[in-house]
Structures are given as C-alpha cells and as structure tokens.
Amino acid sequence: MSVRRLVLIAATVFCAAASPAAAAPTCQDVNGSVARCGAANAMPPGWRLSGDEFHRRQAAIGNVFDPREVIDAIALIAGLLAIVALLPNFDGSSDADWDKQEGDQRRR
C-alpha cells in the first residue's frame, strides 16, 4: 500500500470514530418562540406550546403563510434557470470555440 492510501484510510477511520457534539437544550417562551434557557419569560427545557395554540398565536401576530412569496421565489429560480439555458453552447473541443491568444501563430 502506498503512503497516500494509508493516510486516507487513517483519516477516514479517525472521522468515523469521532463522536457528535451535544447541543444545549432549547427552550421556548410563553408564546412558543425560541428563547435562551434561563432568560426572562423562558419556560423550562422540554416544555412545548400545543400546536393549535401556537398556530392561533402566530395568526394573531400576522406571521401567516403568503403564497405570493412562494410564487415569487419560484419565478426567480425559473428566471435564473432560463438565463443559464440561454447561454451559448461551449464545450471547447473545436478550435473555433477559442479566441486567438498571443503566441498562437508560429514565427517563421
């Protein structure tokens, strides 16, 4: 085995054996928004607002789903893809694809 292959195998084993990092618990406030644990108005870790109550409160503060934003995002992505589709074909295999550069013509 070559040295490169051994280094690759050792790096793979090292990365596979690493343990994942543990994240801190997340807390919510009374309204169901994410809050730092221990902050004012934060509920204890693991407490969750019920789904119906969360949606009712979100609708009351105006954070409702707007389909126009989704349509705008889809139109933007489609426009970018259309611009890419309109680019000229270029594979670089023929000499006509390339411009002349300095030193292309041989001196005689």
PDB file of N, CA and C in Angstrom:
ATOM      1  N   MET A   1       0.836  -1.177   0.000  1.00  0.00           N
ATOM      2  CA  MET A   1       0.000   0.000   0.000  1.00  0.00           C
ATOM      3  C   MET A   1       0.884   1.243   0.000  1.00  0.00           C
ATOM      4  N   SER A   2       0.361   2.235  -0.684  1.00  0.00           N
ATOM      5  CA  SER A   2       1.112   3.482  -0.727  1.00  0.00           C
ATOM      6  C   SER A   2       0.828   4.308   0.528  1.00  0.00           C
ATOM      7  N   VAL A   3       1.675   5.295   0.746  1.00  0.00           N
ATOM      8  CA  VAL A   3       1.534   6.160   1.923  1.00  0.00           C
ATOM      9  C   VAL A   3       0.244   6.965   1.830  1.00  0.00           C
ATOM     10  N   ARG A   4      -0.092   7.415   0.630  1.00  0.00           N
ATOM     11  CA  ARG A   4      -1.320   8.201   0.458  1.00  0.00           C
ATOM     12  C   ARG A   4      -2.555   7.393   0.839  1.00  0.00           C
ATOM     13  N   ARG A   5      -2.550   6.125   0.437  1.00  0.00           N
ATOM     14  CA  ARG A   5      -3.693   5.274   0.741  1.00  0.00           C
ATOM     15  C   ARG A   5      -3.809   5.043   2.246  1.00  0.00           C
ATOM     16  N   LEU A   6      -2.684   4.859   2.920  1.00  0.00           N
ATOM     17  CA  LEU A   6      -2.706   4.666   4.364  1.00  0.00           C
ATOM     18  C   LEU A   6      -3.194   5.924   5.079  1.00  0.00           C
ATOM     19  N   VAL A   7      -2.761   7.097   4.617  1.00  0.00           N
ATOM     20  CA  VAL A   7      -3.211   8.348   5.212  1.00  0.00           C
ATOM     21  C   VAL A   7      -4.714   8.511   5.001  1.00  0.00           C
ATOM     22  N   LEU A   8      -5.204   8.181   3.818  1.00  0.00           N
ATOM     23  CA  LEU A   8      -6.630   8.274   3.529  1.00  0.00           C
ATOM     24  C   LEU A   8      -7.436   7.341   4.428  1.00  0.00           C
ATOM     25  N   ILE A   9      -6.966   6.114   4.603  1.00  0.00           N
ATOM     26  CA  ILE A   9      -7.666   5.157   5.459  1.00  0.00           C
ATOM     27  C   ILE A   9      -7.649   5.635   6.906  1.00  0.00           C
ATOM     28  N   ALA A  10      -6.497   6.137   7.364  1.00  0.00           N
ATOM     29  CA  ALA A  10      -6.402   6.625   8.741  1.00  0.00           C
ATOM     30  C   ALA A  10      -7.323   7.821   8.966  1.00  0.00           C
ATOM     31  N   ALA A  11      -7.401   8.743   7.998  1.00  0.00           N
ATOM     32  CA  ALA A  11      -8.281   9.903   8.130  1.00  0.00           C
ATOM     33  C   ALA A  11      -9.746   9.478   8.141  1.00  0.00           C
ATOM     34  N   THR A  12     -10.097   8.497   7.329  1.00  0.00           N
ATOM     35  CA  THR A  12     -11.473   8.002   7.292  1.00  0.00           C
ATOM     36  C   THR A  12     -11.856   7.357   8.623  1.00  0.00           C
ATOM     37  N   VAL A  13     -10.969   6.542   9.164  1.00  0.00           N
ATOM     38  CA  VAL A  13     -11.252   5.887  10.448  1.00  0.00           C
ATOM     39  C   VAL A  13     -11.349   6.933  11.557  1.00  0.00           C
ATOM     40  N   PHE A  14     -10.467   7.936  11.533  1.00  0.00           N
ATOM     41  CA  PHE A  14     -10.485   8.985  12.546  1.00  0.00           C
ATOM     42  C   PHE A  14     -11.791   9.763  12.504  1.00  0.00           C
ATOM     43  N   CYS A  15     -12.262  10.129  11.301  1.00  0.00           N
ATOM     44  CA  CYS A  15     -13.514  10.890  11.174  1.00  0.00           C
ATOM     45  C   CYS A  15     -14.730  10.045  11.537  1.00  0.00           C
ATOM     46  N   ALA A  16     -14.693   8.765  11.203  1.00  0.00           N
ATOM     47  CA  ALA A  16     -15.826   7.897  11.511  1.00  0.00           C
ATOM     48  C   ALA A  16     -15.933   7.627  13.009  1.00  0.00           C
ATOM     49  N   ALA A  17     -14.811   7.660  13.711  1.00  0.00           N
ATOM     50  CA  ALA A  17     -14.826   7.355  15.141  1.00  0.00           C
ATOM     51  C   ALA A  17     -15.159   8.570  16.000  1.00  0.00           C
ATOM     52  N   ALA A  18     -15.210   9.743  15.403  1.00  0.00           N
ATOM     53  CA  ALA A  18     -15.482  10.964  16.175  1.00  0.00           C
ATOM     54  C   ALA A  18     -16.921  10.944  16.682  1.00  0.00           C
ATOM     55  N   SER A  19     -17.101  11.407  17.903  1.00  0.00           N
ATOM     56  CA  SER A  19     -18.449  11.452  18.463  1.00  0.00           C
ATOM     57  C   SER A  19     -19.099  12.784  18.101  1.00  0.00           C
ATOM     58  N   PRO A  20     -20.399  12.793  17.883  1.00  0.00           N
ATOM     59  CA  PRO A  20     -21.074  14.055  17.546  1.00  0.00           C
ATOM     60  C   PRO A  20     -21.124  14.981  18.752  1.00  0.00           C
ATOM     61  N   ALA A  21     -21.112  16.252  18.479  1.00  0.00           N
ATOM     62  CA  ALA A  21     -21.173  17.244  19.550  1.00  0.00           C
ATOM     63  C   ALA A  21     -22.591  17.318  20.102  1.00  0.00           C
ATOM     64  N   ALA A  22     -22.704  17.443  21.391  1.00  0.00           N
ATOM     65  CA  ALA A  22     -24.009  17.554  22.024  1.00  0.00           C
ATOM     66  C   ALA A  22     -24.412  19.024  22.072  1.00  0.00           C
ATOM     67  N   ALA A  23     -25.625  19.305  21.665  1.00  0.00           N
ATOM     68  CA  ALA A  23     -26.117  20.678  21.664  1.00  0.00           C
ATOM     69  C   ALA A  23     -26.845  20.966  22.971  1.00  0.00           C
ATOM     70  N   ALA A  24     -26.886  22.215  23.323  1.00  0.00           N
ATOM     71  CA  ALA A  24     -27.611  22.627  24.521  1.00  0.00           C
ATOM     72  C   ALA A  24     -29.111  22.485  24.272  1.00  0.00           C
ATOM     73  N   PRO A  25     -29.892  22.253  25.319  1.00  0.00           N
ATOM     74  CA  PRO A  25     -31.337  22.143  25.121  1.00  0.00           C
ATOM     75  C   PRO A  25     -31.927  23.493  24.716  1.00  0.00           C
ATOM     76  N   THR A  26     -32.966  23.452  23.931  1.00  0.00           N
ATOM     77  CA  THR A  26     -33.636  24.688  23.534  1.00  0.00           C
ATOM     78  C   THR A  26     -34.859  24.903  24.416  1.00  0.00           C
ATOM     79  N   CYS A  27     -35.150  26.128  24.676  1.00  0.00           N
ATOM     80  CA  CYS A  27     -36.313  26.483  25.483  1.00  0.00           C
ATOM     81  C   CYS A  27     -37.222  27.376  24.652  1.00  0.00           C
ATOM     82  N   GLN A  28     -38.455  27.472  25.080  1.00  0.00           N
ATOM     83  CA  GLN A  28     -39.433  28.340  24.432  1.00  0.00           C
ATOM     84  C   GLN A  28     -39.983  29.316  25.455  1.00  0.00           C
ATOM     85  N   ASP A  29     -40.464  30.445  24.950  1.00  0.00           N
ATOM     86  CA  ASP A  29     -41.141  31.371  25.861  1.00  0.00           C
ATOM     87  C   ASP A  29     -42.631  31.055  25.864  1.00  0.00           C
ATOM     88  N   VAL A  30     -43.409  31.857  26.532  1.00  0.00           N
ATOM     89  CA  VAL A  30     -44.843  31.605  26.682  1.00  0.00           C
ATOM     90  C   VAL A  30     -45.555  31.614  25.325  1.00  0.00           C
ATOM     91  N   ASN A  31     -45.048  32.378  24.356  1.00  0.00           N
ATOM     92  CA  ASN A  31     -45.676  32.460  23.037  1.00  0.00           C
ATOM     93  C   ASN A  31     -45.242  31.347  22.097  1.00  0.00           C
ATOM     94  N   GLY A  32     -44.303  30.500  22.501  1.00  0.00           N
ATOM     95  CA  GLY A  32     -43.848  29.406  21.662  1.00  0.00           C
ATOM     96  C   GLY A  32     -42.634  29.761  20.824  1.00  0.00           C
ATOM     97  N   SER A  33     -42.082  30.953  20.997  1.00  0.00           N
ATOM     98  CA  SER A  33     -40.879  31.343  20.269  1.00  0.00           C
ATOM     99  C   SER A  33     -39.656  30.784  20.975  1.00  0.00           C
ATOM    100  N   VAL A  34     -38.575  30.590  20.222  1.00  0.00           N
ATOM    101  CA  VAL A  34     -37.347  30.063  20.802  1.00  0.00           C
ATOM    102  C   VAL A  34     -36.725  31.135  21.694  1.00  0.00           C
ATOM    103  N   ALA A  35     -36.328  30.723  22.879  1.00  0.00           N
ATOM    104  CA  ALA A  35     -35.715  31.634  23.848  1.00  0.00           C
ATOM    105  C   ALA A  35     -34.531  30.943  24.496  1.00  0.00           C
ATOM    106  N   ARG A  36     -33.609  31.726  25.000  1.00  0.00           N
ATOM    107  CA  ARG A  36     -32.464  31.185  25.713  1.00  0.00           C
ATOM    108  C   ARG A  36     -32.923  30.671  27.069  1.00  0.00           C
ATOM    109  N   CYS A  37     -32.499  29.472  27.418  1.00  0.00           N
ATOM    110  CA  CYS A  37     -32.890  28.893  28.699  1.00  0.00           C
ATOM    111  C   CYS A  37     -32.342  29.752  29.830  1.00  0.00           C
ATOM    112  N   GLY A  38     -33.156  30.021  30.818  1.00  0.00           N
ATOM    113  CA  GLY A  38     -32.758  30.832  31.948  1.00  0.00           C
ATOM    114  C   GLY A  38     -33.053  32.309  31.757  1.00  0.00           C
ATOM    115  N   ALA A  39     -33.471  32.708  30.569  1.00  0.00           N
ATOM    116  CA  ALA A  39     -33.796  34.115  30.329  1.00  0.00           C
ATOM    117  C   ALA A  39     -35.173  34.420  30.906  1.00  0.00           C
ATOM    118  N   ALA A  40     -35.475  35.706  30.998  1.00  0.00           N
ATOM    119  CA  ALA A  40     -36.790  36.105  31.497  1.00  0.00           C
ATOM    120  C   ALA A  40     -37.865  35.593  30.545  1.00  0.00           C
ATOM    121  N   ASN A  41     -38.960  35.129  31.078  1.00  0.00           N
ATOM    122  CA  ASN A  41     -40.113  34.602  30.339  1.00  0.00           C
ATOM    123  C   ASN A  41     -39.834  33.279  29.634  1.00  0.00           C
ATOM    124  N   ALA A  42     -38.693  32.641  29.887  1.00  0.00           N
ATOM    125  CA  ALA A  42     -38.402  31.343  29.278  1.00  0.00           C
ATOM    126  C   ALA A  42     -39.027  30.237  30.106  1.00  0.00           C
ATOM    127  N   MET A  43     -39.594  29.278  29.400  1.00  0.00           N
ATOM    128  CA  MET A  43     -40.194  28.135  30.084  1.00  0.00           C
ATOM    129  C   MET A  43     -39.099  27.089  30.319  1.00  0.00           C
ATOM    130  N   PRO A  44     -39.344  26.080  31.144  1.00  0.00           N
ATOM    131  CA  PRO A  44     -38.317  25.067  31.417  1.00  0.00           C
ATOM    132  C   PRO A  44     -37.981  24.254  30.163  1.00  0.00           C
ATOM    133  N   PRO A  45     -36.768  23.680  30.097  1.00  0.00           N
ATOM    134  CA  PRO A  45     -36.404  22.857  28.938  1.00  0.00           C
ATOM    135  C   PRO A  45     -37.397  21.710  28.757  1.00  0.00           C
ATOM    136  N   GLY A  46     -37.764  21.448  27.524  1.00  0.00           N
ATOM    137  CA  GLY A  46     -38.704  20.378  27.211  1.00  0.00           C
ATOM    138  C   GLY A  46     -40.151  20.821  27.138  1.00  0.00           C
ATOM    139  N   TRP A  47     -40.483  22.010  27.623  1.00  0.00           N
ATOM    140  CA  TRP A  47     -41.855  22.498  27.568  1.00  0.00           C
ATOM    141  C   TRP A  47     -42.169  22.927  26.151  1.00  0.00           C
ATOM    142  N   ARG A  48     -43.323  22.549  25.645  1.00  0.00           N
ATOM    143  CA  ARG A  48     -43.735  22.916  24.297  1.00  0.00           C
ATOM    144  C   ARG A  48     -45.160  23.458  24.328  1.00  0.00           C
ATOM    145  N   LEU A  49     -45.391  24.480  23.554  1.00  0.00           N
ATOM    146  CA  LEU A  49     -46.728  25.028  23.378  1.00  0.00           C
ATOM    147  C   LEU A  49     -47.487  24.087  22.459  1.00  0.00           C
ATOM    148  N   SER A  50     -48.764  23.860  22.714  1.00  0.00           N
ATOM    149  CA  SER A  50     -49.522  22.948  21.860  1.00  0.00           C
ATOM    150  C   SER A  50     -49.602  23.506  20.437  1.00  0.00           C
ATOM    151  N   GLY A  51     -49.738  22.622  19.475  1.00  0.00           N
ATOM    152  CA  GLY A  51     -49.748  23.027  18.067  1.00  0.00           C
ATOM    153  C   GLY A  51     -50.874  23.978  17.729  1.00  0.00           C
ATOM    154  N   ASP A  52     -52.077  23.691  18.236  1.00  0.00           N
ATOM    155  CA  ASP A  52     -53.222  24.560  17.946  1.00  0.00           C
ATOM    156  C   ASP A  52     -53.016  25.957  18.532  1.00  0.00           C
ATOM    157  N   GLU A  53     -52.518  26.010  19.750  1.00  0.00           N
ATOM    158  CA  GLU A  53     -52.287  27.305  20.398  1.00  0.00           C
ATOM    159  C   GLU A  53     -51.178  28.079  19.679  1.00  0.00           C
ATOM    160  N   PHE A  54     -50.137  27.365  19.234  1.00  0.00           N
ATOM    161  CA  PHE A  54     -49.051  28.027  18.512  1.00  0.00           C
ATOM    162  C   PHE A  54     -49.560  28.662  17.215  1.00  0.00           C
ATOM    163  N   HIS A  55     -50.344  27.912  16.434  1.00  0.00           N
ATOM    164  CA  HIS A  55     -50.879  28.447  15.172  1.00  0.00           C
ATOM    165  C   HIS A  55     -51.843  29.603  15.420  1.00  0.00           C
ATOM    166  N   ARG A  56     -52.628  29.515  16.479  1.00  0.00           N
ATOM    167  CA  ARG A  56     -53.551  30.598  16.799  1.00  0.00           C
ATOM    168  C   ARG A  56     -52.780  31.873  17.150  1.00  0.00           C
ATOM    169  N   ARG A  57     -51.720  31.738  17.918  1.00  0.00           N
ATOM    170  CA  ARG A  57     -50.923  32.920  18.292  1.00  0.00           C
ATOM    171  C   ARG A  57     -50.148  33.482  17.100  1.00  0.00           C
ATOM    172  N   GLN A  58     -49.639  32.615  16.248  1.00  0.00           N
ATOM    173  CA  GLN A  58     -48.924  33.091  15.060  1.00  0.00           C
ATOM    174  C   GLN A  58     -49.864  33.848  14.123  1.00  0.00           C
ATOM    175  N   ALA A  59     -51.092  33.363  13.961  1.00  0.00           N
ATOM    176  CA  ALA A  59     -52.073  34.046  13.116  1.00  0.00           C
ATOM    177  C   ALA A  59     -52.451  35.400  13.709  1.00  0.00           C
ATOM    178  N   ALA A  60     -52.466  35.486  15.043  1.00  0.00           N
ATOM    179  CA  ALA A  60     -52.841  36.739  15.695  1.00  0.00           C
ATOM    180  C   ALA A  60     -51.771  37.811  15.513  1.00  0.00           C
ATOM    181  N   ILE A  61     -50.498  37.413  15.438  1.00  0.00           N
ATOM    182  CA  ILE A  61     -49.451  38.428  15.263  1.00  0.00           C
ATOM    183  C   ILE A  61     -49.119  38.668  13.793  1.00  0.00           C
ATOM    184  N   GLY A  62     -49.754  37.964  12.893  1.00  0.00           N
ATOM    185  CA  GLY A  62     -49.618  38.261  11.467  1.00  0.00           C
ATOM    186  C   GLY A  62     -48.574  37.453  10.725  1.00  0.00           C
ATOM    187  N   ASN A  63     -47.975  36.453  11.325  1.00  0.00           N
ATOM    188  CA  ASN A  63     -46.997  35.609  10.627  1.00  0.00           C
ATOM    189  C   ASN A  63     -47.734  34.452   9.954  1.00  0.00           C
ATOM    190  N   VAL A  64     -48.497  34.771   8.941  1.00  0.00           N
ATOM    191  CA  VAL A  64     -49.244  33.742   8.229  1.00  0.00           C
ATOM    192  C   VAL A  64     -48.547  33.469   6.911  1.00  0.00           C
ATOM    193  N   PHE A  65     -48.822  32.332   6.344  1.00  0.00           N
ATOM    194  CA  PHE A  65     -48.235  31.902   5.078  1.00  0.00           C
ATOM    195  C   PHE A  65     -48.773  32.765   3.940  1.00  0.00           C
ATOM    196  N   ASP A  66     -47.868  33.301   3.123  1.00  0.00           N
ATOM    197  CA  ASP A  66     -48.245  34.129   1.982  1.00  0.00           C
ATOM    198  C   ASP A  66     -47.854  33.403   0.698  1.00  0.00           C
ATOM    199  N   PRO A  67     -48.816  32.896  -0.082  1.00  0.00           N
ATOM    200  CA  PRO A  67     -48.472  32.147  -1.293  1.00  0.00           C
ATOM    201  C   PRO A  67     -47.785  33.007  -2.356  1.00  0.00           C
ATOM    202  N   ARG A  68     -47.968  34.327  -2.296  1.00  0.00           N
ATOM    203  CA  ARG A  68     -47.301  35.178  -3.289  1.00  0.00           C
ATOM    204  C   ARG A  68     -45.785  35.121  -3.147  1.00  0.00           C
ATOM    205  N   GLU A  69     -45.291  34.970  -1.919  1.00  0.00           N
ATOM    206  CA  GLU A  69     -43.846  34.865  -1.718  1.00  0.00           C
ATOM    207  C   GLU A  69     -43.290  33.594  -2.336  1.00  0.00           C
ATOM    208  N   VAL A  70     -44.031  32.503  -2.233  1.00  0.00           N
ATOM    209  CA  VAL A  70     -43.593  31.249  -2.843  1.00  0.00           C
ATOM    210  C   VAL A  70     -43.596  31.379  -4.359  1.00  0.00           C
ATOM    211  N   ILE A  71     -44.623  31.992  -4.907  1.00  0.00           N
ATOM    212  CA  ILE A  71     -44.697  32.176  -6.356  1.00  0.00           C
ATOM    213  C   ILE A  71     -43.552  33.071  -6.839  1.00  0.00           C
ATOM    214  N   ASP A  72     -43.236  34.125  -6.069  1.00  0.00           N
ATOM    215  CA  ASP A  72     -42.117  34.995  -6.425  1.00  0.00           C
ATOM    216  C   ASP A  72     -40.789  34.236  -6.395  1.00  0.00           C
ATOM    217  N   ALA A  73     -40.602  33.381  -5.411  1.00  0.00           N
ATOM    218  CA  ALA A  73     -39.364  32.603  -5.323  1.00  0.00           C
ATOM    219  C   ALA A  73     -39.248  31.628  -6.487  1.00  0.00           C
ATOM    220  N   ILE A  74     -40.344  30.972  -6.837  1.00  0.00           N
ATOM    221  CA  ILE A  74     -40.327  30.048  -7.971  1.00  0.00           C
ATOM    222  C   ILE A  74     -40.047  30.799  -9.266  1.00  0.00           C
ATOM    223  N   ALA A  75     -40.631  31.984  -9.428  1.00  0.00           N
ATOM    224  CA  ALA A  75     -40.386  32.784 -10.634  1.00  0.00           C
ATOM    225  C   ALA A  75     -38.922  33.223 -10.700  1.00  0.00           C
ATOM    226  N   LEU A  76     -38.332  33.573  -9.578  1.00  0.00           N
ATOM    227  CA  LEU A  76     -36.925  33.968  -9.560  1.00  0.00           C
ATOM    228  C   LEU A  76     -36.025  32.809  -9.970  1.00  0.00           C
ATOM    229  N   ILE A  77     -36.270  31.639  -9.407  1.00  0.00           N
ATOM    230  CA  ILE A  77     -35.465  30.463  -9.755  1.00  0.00           C
ATOM    231  C   ILE A  77     -35.652  30.101 -11.226  1.00  0.00           C
ATOM    232  N   ALA A  78     -36.890  30.165 -11.724  1.00  0.00           N
ATOM    233  CA  ALA A  78     -37.140  29.868 -13.131  1.00  0.00           C
ATOM    234  C   ALA A  78     -36.435  30.882 -14.032  1.00  0.00           C
ATOM    235  N   GLY A  79     -36.414  32.150 -13.644  1.00  0.00           N
ATOM    236  CA  GLY A  79     -35.714  33.167 -14.423  1.00  0.00           C
ATOM    237  C   GLY A  79     -34.217  32.916 -14.483  1.00  0.00           C
ATOM    238  N   LEU A  80     -33.622  32.540 -13.348  1.00  0.00           N
ATOM    239  CA  LEU A  80     -32.193  32.234 -13.338  1.00  0.00           C
ATOM    240  C   LEU A  80     -31.875  31.012 -14.198  1.00  0.00           C
ATOM    241  N   LEU A  81     -32.723  29.999 -14.127  1.00  0.00           N
ATOM    242  CA  LEU A  81     -32.511  28.819 -14.961  1.00  0.00           C
ATOM    243  C   LEU A  81     -32.686  29.148 -16.441  1.00  0.00           C
ATOM    244  N   ALA A  82     -33.607  30.055 -16.777  1.00  0.00           N
ATOM    245  CA  ALA A  82     -33.786  30.465 -18.173  1.00  0.00           C
ATOM    246  C   ALA A  82     -32.552  31.203 -18.682  1.00  0.00           C
ATOM    247  N   ILE A  83     -31.954  32.035 -17.833  1.00  0.00           N
ATOM    248  CA  ILE A  83     -30.737  32.741 -18.245  1.00  0.00           C
ATOM    249  C   ILE A  83     -29.612  31.748 -18.503  1.00  0.00           C
ATOM    250  N   VAL A  84     -29.478  30.745 -17.657  1.00  0.00           N
ATOM    251  CA  VAL A  84     -28.453  29.729 -17.864  1.00  0.00           C
ATOM    252  C   VAL A  84     -28.745  28.939 -19.138  1.00  0.00           C
ATOM    253  N   ALA A  85     -30.009  28.655 -19.428  1.00  0.00           N
ATOM    254  CA  ALA A  85     -30.366  27.908 -20.633  1.00  0.00           C
ATOM    255  C   ALA A  85     -30.076  28.701 -21.899  1.00  0.00           C
ATOM    256  N   LEU A  86     -30.098  30.019 -21.821  1.00  0.00           N
ATOM    257  CA  LEU A  86     -29.847  30.843 -22.997  1.00  0.00           C
ATOM    258  C   LEU A  86     -28.363  31.062 -23.280  1.00  0.00           C
ATOM    259  N   LEU A  87     -27.495  30.589 -22.402  1.00  0.00           N
ATOM    260  CA  LEU A  87     -26.064  30.727 -22.648  1.00  0.00           C
ATOM    261  C   LEU A  87     -25.676  29.929 -23.891  1.00  0.00           C
ATOM    262  N   PRO A  88     -24.695  30.407 -24.664  1.00  0.00           N
ATOM    263  CA  PRO A  88     -24.294  29.667 -25.868  1.00  0.00           C
ATOM    264  C   PRO A  88     -23.611  28.353 -25.505  1.00  0.00           C
ATOM    265  N   ASN A  89     -23.713  27.400 -26.398  1.00  0.00           N
ATOM    266  CA  ASN A  89     -23.067  26.109 -26.187  1.00  0.00           C
ATOM    267  C   ASN A  89     -21.564  26.279 -26.304  1.00  0.00           C
ATOM    268  N   PHE A  90     -20.836  25.687 -25.410  1.00  0.00           N
ATOM    269  CA  PHE A  90     -19.386  25.753 -25.419  1.00  0.00           C
ATOM    270  C   PHE A  90     -18.850  24.501 -24.774  1.00  0.00           C
ATOM    271  N   ASP A  91     -18.168  23.692 -25.575  1.00  0.00           N
ATOM    272  CA  ASP A  91     -17.532  22.519 -24.989  1.00  0.00           C
ATOM    273  C   ASP A  91     -16.021  22.569 -25.130  1.00  0.00           C
ATOM    274  N   GLY A  92     -15.499  23.510 -25.933  1.00  0.00           N
ATOM    275  CA  GLY A  92     -14.065  23.698 -26.037  1.00  0.00           C
ATOM    276  C   GLY A  92     -13.355  22.673 -26.892  1.00  0.00           C
ATOM    277  N   SER A  93     -14.097  21.815 -27.596  1.00  0.00           N
ATOM    278  CA  SER A  93     -13.445  20.757 -28.361  1.00  0.00           C
ATOM    279  C   SER A  93     -12.949  21.229 -29.726  1.00  0.00           C
ATOM    280  N   SER A  94     -13.559  22.262 -30.291  1.00  0.00           N
ATOM    281  CA  SER A  94     -13.108  22.722 -31.614  1.00  0.00           C
ATOM    282  C   SER A  94     -12.293  24.003 -31.465  1.00  0.00           C
ATOM    283  N   ASP A  95     -11.449  24.273 -32.455  1.00  0.00           N
ATOM    284  CA  ASP A  95     -10.617  25.474 -32.417  1.00  0.00           C
ATOM    285  C   ASP A  95     -11.451  26.738 -32.553  1.00  0.00           C
ATOM    286  N   ALA A  96     -12.649  26.645 -33.149  1.00  0.00           N
ATOM    287  CA  ALA A  96     -13.499  27.828 -33.317  1.00  0.00           C
ATOM    288  C   ALA A  96     -14.062  28.311 -31.983  1.00  0.00           C
ATOM    289  N   ASP A  97     -14.040  27.452 -30.967  1.00  0.00           N
ATOM    290  CA  ASP A  97     -14.539  27.843 -29.654  1.00  0.00           C
ATOM    291  C   ASP A  97     -13.596  28.787 -28.925  1.00  0.00           C
ATOM    292  N   TRP A  98     -12.352  28.845 -29.363  1.00  0.00           N
ATOM    293  CA  TRP A  98     -11.337  29.609 -28.647  1.00  0.00           C
ATOM    294  C   TRP A  98     -10.934  30.843 -29.428  1.00  0.00           C
ATOM    295  N   ASP A  99     -10.656  31.932 -28.715  1.00  0.00           N
ATOM    296  CA  ASP A  99     -10.116  33.134 -29.341  1.00  0.00           C
ATOM    297  C   ASP A  99      -8.622  32.960 -29.540  1.00  0.00           C
ATOM    298  N   LYS A 100      -8.087  33.767 -30.438  1.00  0.00           N
ATOM    299  CA  LYS A 100      -6.636  33.720 -30.648  1.00  0.00           C
ATOM    300  C   LYS A 100      -5.941  34.425 -29.499  1.00  0.00           C
ATOM    301  N   GLN A 101      -4.862  33.833 -29.055  1.00  0.00           N
ATOM    302  CA  GLN A 101      -4.065  34.375 -27.968  1.00  0.00           C
ATOM    303  C   GLN A 101      -2.674  34.711 -28.480  1.00  0.00           C
ATOM    304  N   GLU A 102      -1.927  35.434 -27.687  1.00  0.00           N
ATOM    305  CA  GLU A 102      -0.558  35.744 -28.058  1.00  0.00           C
ATOM    306  C   GLU A 102       0.237  34.452 -28.180  1.00  0.00           C
ATOM    307  N   GLY A 103       1.030  34.367 -29.203  1.00  0.00           N
ATOM    308  CA  GLY A 103       1.876  33.203 -29.389  1.00  0.00           C
ATOM    309  C   GLY A 103       1.184  32.053 -30.075  1.00  0.00           C
ATOM    310  N   ASP A 104      -0.059  32.218 -30.545  1.00  0.00           N
ATOM    311  CA  ASP A 104      -0.742  31.127 -31.242  1.00  0.00           C
ATOM    312  C   ASP A 104      -0.121  30.881 -32.614  1.00  0.00           C
ATOM    313  N   GLN A 105       0.256  31.955 -33.290  1.00  0.00           N
ATOM    314  CA  GLN A 105       0.855  31.798 -34.628  1.00  0.00           C
ATOM    315  C   GLN A 105       2.355  31.622 -34.460  1.00  0.00           C
ATOM    316  N   ARG A 106       2.865  30.636 -35.130  1.00  0.00           N
ATOM    317  CA  ARG A 106       4.293  30.356 -35.036  1.00  0.00           C
ATOM    318  C   ARG A 106       5.072  31.381 -35.854  1.00  0.00           C
ATOM    319  N   ARG A 107       6.206  31.778 -35.349  1.00  0.00           N
ATOM    320  CA  ARG A 107       7.064  32.690 -36.094  1.00  0.00           C
ATOM    321  C   ARG A 107       7.906  31.887 -37.058  1.00  0.00           C
ATOM    322  N   ARG A 108       8.063  32.402 -38.260  1.00  0.00           N
ATOM    323  CA  ARG A 108       8.856  31.696 -39.259  1.00  0.00           C
ATOM    324  C   ARG A 108      10.084  32.451 -39.593  1.00  0.00           C
TER     325      ARG A 108
END
